[in-house]
């Protein structure tokens, strides 16, 4: 049996696109190539105009940890790879093990709130059905003291009907 550095871990079930501000990477133990795996290292790089940037080491975990949650910024494309380390060294960042995910532009927006606040922070999730788009909106005042979660059908013009209203409110 050949002994050497382990293979890179395989990231399991990573979506191509996310609308949340985090993504959880989960991986399975790779071939150890004759040495006990002692740790995993999570790397990330940002892809700009189709060109991958430099790898950034996010975290080194114990061998028993096989998932890590990563914070994302809106409207960026990320690539991730998880290497494994044994007594012979760290695995390569294998091309076949690199996973790409896009953070959707529907993650965050600022909007005019129809009540007393001049601006609030909104976090949205979007789902498309065969009839229309459904948006789940979480709305916070800047102080995070007020919170409203509503779900509605939008008419495609950036309008939303809040609970207790009959006319849609336009976001700016």
Protein backbone atom coordinates (compact mmCIF):
# COMPACT_ATOMS: atom_id res chain seq x y z
CA UNK A 1 0.00 0.00 0.00
CA UNK A 2 1.31 3.45 -0.92
CA UNK A 3 1.54 5.87 1.92
CA UNK A 4 1.25 9.61 1.55
CA UNK A 5 -0.87 12.68 2.02
CA UNK A 6 -4.62 12.07 2.04
CA UNK A 7 -7.00 13.05 -0.73
CA UNK A 8 -9.01 16.26 -0.36
CA UNK A 9 -12.41 15.82 1.27
CA UNK A 10 -15.56 15.72 -0.86
CA UNK A 11 -18.04 18.51 -0.02
CA UNK A 12 -21.52 16.98 0.06
CA UNK A 13 -24.79 18.51 -1.17
CA UNK A 14 -23.66 22.12 -1.64
CA UNK A 15 -26.32 24.11 -3.55
CA UNK A 16 -25.31 26.09 -6.65
CA UNK A 17 -26.99 29.22 -5.31
CA UNK A 18 -28.05 30.41 -1.87
CA UNK A 19 -30.25 33.29 -0.72
CA UNK A 20 -29.10 33.22 2.88
CA UNK A 21 -26.07 34.97 4.36
CA UNK A 22 -24.42 31.68 5.37
CA UNK A 23 -23.80 28.28 3.86
CA UNK A 24 -22.88 25.11 5.74
CA UNK A 25 -20.17 22.98 4.17
CA UNK A 26 -20.41 19.29 5.01
CA UNK A 27 -17.81 16.79 3.92
CA UNK A 28 -17.01 13.11 4.14
CA UNK A 29 -13.70 11.56 5.15
CA UNK A 30 -11.43 11.08 2.13
CA UNK A 31 -8.91 8.32 1.38
CA UNK A 32 -6.26 8.62 4.09
CA UNK A 33 -3.47 6.93 2.04
CA UNK A 34 -2.08 5.03 5.00
CA UNK A 35 -2.05 7.78 7.60
CA UNK A 36 -4.62 8.77 10.20
CA UNK A 37 -6.33 12.06 9.33
CA UNK A 38 -5.62 14.57 12.09
CA UNK A 39 -7.36 17.70 10.80
CA UNK A 40 -9.31 19.37 8.02
CA UNK A 41 -8.71 22.84 6.60
CA UNK A 42 -11.49 24.87 4.94
CA UNK A 43 -10.46 27.22 2.11
CA UNK A 44 -12.47 29.81 0.21
CA UNK A 45 -11.82 32.00 -2.80
CA UNK A 46 -13.99 34.54 -4.59
CA UNK A 47 -14.59 34.26 -8.31
CA UNK A 48 -14.76 37.62 -10.11
CA UNK A 49 -15.80 37.78 -13.77
CA UNK A 50 -15.17 34.04 -14.06
CA UNK A 51 -11.63 34.28 -12.65
CA UNK A 52 -10.93 32.59 -9.29
CA UNK A 53 -9.00 34.65 -6.74
CA UNK A 54 -6.43 33.48 -4.22
CA UNK A 55 -7.30 30.82 -1.67
CA UNK A 56 -7.98 32.08 1.86
CA UNK A 57 -7.73 29.67 4.79
CA UNK A 58 -10.93 30.03 6.81
CA UNK A 59 -10.55 27.41 9.51
CA UNK A 60 -8.60 24.36 10.61
CA UNK A 61 -10.75 21.82 12.42
CA UNK A 62 -10.17 18.65 14.38
CA UNK A 63 -10.48 15.36 12.55
CA UNK A 64 -13.90 14.74 14.15
CA UNK A 65 -15.41 17.95 12.70
CA UNK A 66 -16.93 17.38 9.25
CA UNK A 67 -18.97 20.54 8.76
CA UNK A 68 -18.38 24.29 8.94
CA UNK A 69 -20.72 27.28 8.47
CA UNK A 70 -19.33 30.11 6.33
CA UNK A 71 -20.63 33.68 6.17
CA UNK A 72 -21.34 35.02 2.67
CA UNK A 73 -21.62 38.48 1.17
CA UNK A 74 -24.42 39.30 -1.22
CA UNK A 75 -23.94 38.88 -4.95
CA UNK A 76 -20.59 37.06 -4.91
CA UNK A 77 -19.49 33.73 -6.31
CA UNK A 78 -17.45 31.57 -3.95
CA UNK A 79 -15.40 28.43 -4.36
CA UNK A 80 -14.66 26.13 -1.44
CA UNK A 81 -12.36 23.19 -0.90
CA UNK A 82 -11.60 21.16 2.23
CA UNK A 83 -8.18 19.57 2.58
CA UNK A 84 -7.23 16.77 4.94
CA UNK A 85 -3.95 16.38 6.83
CA UNK A 86 -2.27 13.23 8.09
CA UNK A 87 1.26 12.44 9.31
CA UNK A 88 2.53 12.77 5.71
CA UNK A 89 1.15 16.27 5.16
CA UNK A 90 -1.83 18.20 3.78
CA UNK A 91 -3.75 17.10 0.70
CA UNK A 92 -3.74 19.12 -2.49
CA UNK A 93 -6.63 21.41 -3.38
CA UNK A 94 -7.86 18.99 -6.04
CA UNK A 95 -9.79 20.54 -8.95
CA UNK A 96 -12.42 17.80 -8.79
CA UNK A 97 -13.12 18.58 -5.13
CA UNK A 98 -13.65 22.35 -5.53
CA UNK A 99 -17.29 23.39 -5.14
CA UNK A 100 -18.80 26.69 -6.32
CA UNK A 101 -21.77 28.56 -4.83
CA UNK A 102 -23.33 31.91 -5.71
CA UNK A 103 -24.87 34.18 -3.08
CA UNK A 104 -28.06 35.49 -4.64
CA UNK A 105 -28.79 39.17 -5.03
CA UNK A 106 -32.14 38.65 -3.31
CA UNK A 107 -30.41 38.26 0.07
CA UNK A 108 -30.63 41.81 1.35
CA UNK A 109 -32.16 45.12 0.38
CA UNK A 110 -33.03 48.43 1.93
CA UNK A 111 -36.58 49.56 1.63
CA UNK A 112 -38.98 52.22 2.78
CA UNK A 113 -41.17 50.75 5.46
CA UNK A 114 -44.83 51.67 5.30
CA UNK A 115 -45.01 52.60 8.96
CA UNK A 116 -43.00 54.92 11.25
CA UNK A 117 -39.46 54.03 10.24
CA UNK A 118 -37.61 55.88 7.48
CA UNK A 119 -35.48 52.91 6.50
CA UNK A 120 -35.24 49.38 7.74
CA UNK A 121 -33.13 46.38 6.98
CA UNK A 122 -34.89 43.65 5.03
CA UNK A 123 -33.80 40.09 4.48
CA UNK A 124 -35.68 38.18 1.82
CA UNK A 125 -35.96 34.65 0.56
CA UNK A 126 -37.55 33.91 -2.77
CA UNK A 127 -39.25 30.82 -4.11
CA UNK A 128 -40.67 30.42 -7.58
CA UNK A 129 -43.77 28.36 -8.12
CA UNK A 130 -45.48 27.64 -11.39
CA UNK A 131 -47.94 30.49 -10.79
CA UNK A 132 -45.95 33.31 -9.22
CA UNK A 133 -43.03 34.31 -7.05
CA UNK A 134 -43.44 34.04 -3.29
CA UNK A 135 -41.24 36.18 -1.08
CA UNK A 136 -40.67 35.62 2.59
CA UNK A 137 -39.53 38.88 4.08
CA UNK A 138 -37.98 39.48 7.48
CA UNK A 139 -37.99 43.18 8.32
CA UNK A 140 -35.96 44.72 11.12
CA UNK A 141 -35.73 48.30 12.28
CA UNK A 142 -32.15 49.55 12.39
CA UNK A 143 -32.10 49.03 16.14
CA UNK A 144 -33.49 45.48 15.68
CA UNK A 145 -36.15 46.34 18.25
CA UNK A 146 -39.02 45.80 15.83
CA UNK A 147 -39.46 42.76 13.66
CA UNK A 148 -42.07 41.74 11.14
CA UNK A 149 -42.10 38.53 9.14
CA UNK A 150 -44.53 38.30 6.33
CA UNK A 151 -45.07 36.17 3.30
CA UNK A 152 -46.78 37.42 0.21
CA UNK A 153 -47.08 37.17 -3.51
CA UNK A 154 -45.24 39.95 -5.27
CA UNK A 155 -46.37 41.31 -8.60
CA UNK A 156 -42.86 41.44 -10.05
CA UNK A 157 -42.56 45.21 -9.61
CA UNK A 158 -40.84 45.13 -6.24
CA UNK A 159 -44.16 45.61 -4.48
CA UNK A 160 -45.34 43.79 -1.43
CA UNK A 161 -48.61 43.77 0.48
CA UNK A 162 -48.00 43.92 4.23
CA UNK A 163 -50.43 42.36 6.69
CA UNK A 164 -53.36 44.69 7.32
CA UNK A 165 -52.92 46.59 4.06
CA UNK A 166 -54.85 46.35 0.86
CA UNK A 167 -52.47 48.25 -1.43
CA UNK A 168 -48.93 47.16 -2.23
CA UNK A 169 -45.99 49.19 -0.94
CA UNK A 170 -43.17 50.03 -3.35
CA UNK A 171 -39.61 49.46 -2.12
CA UNK A 172 -36.83 51.89 -2.93
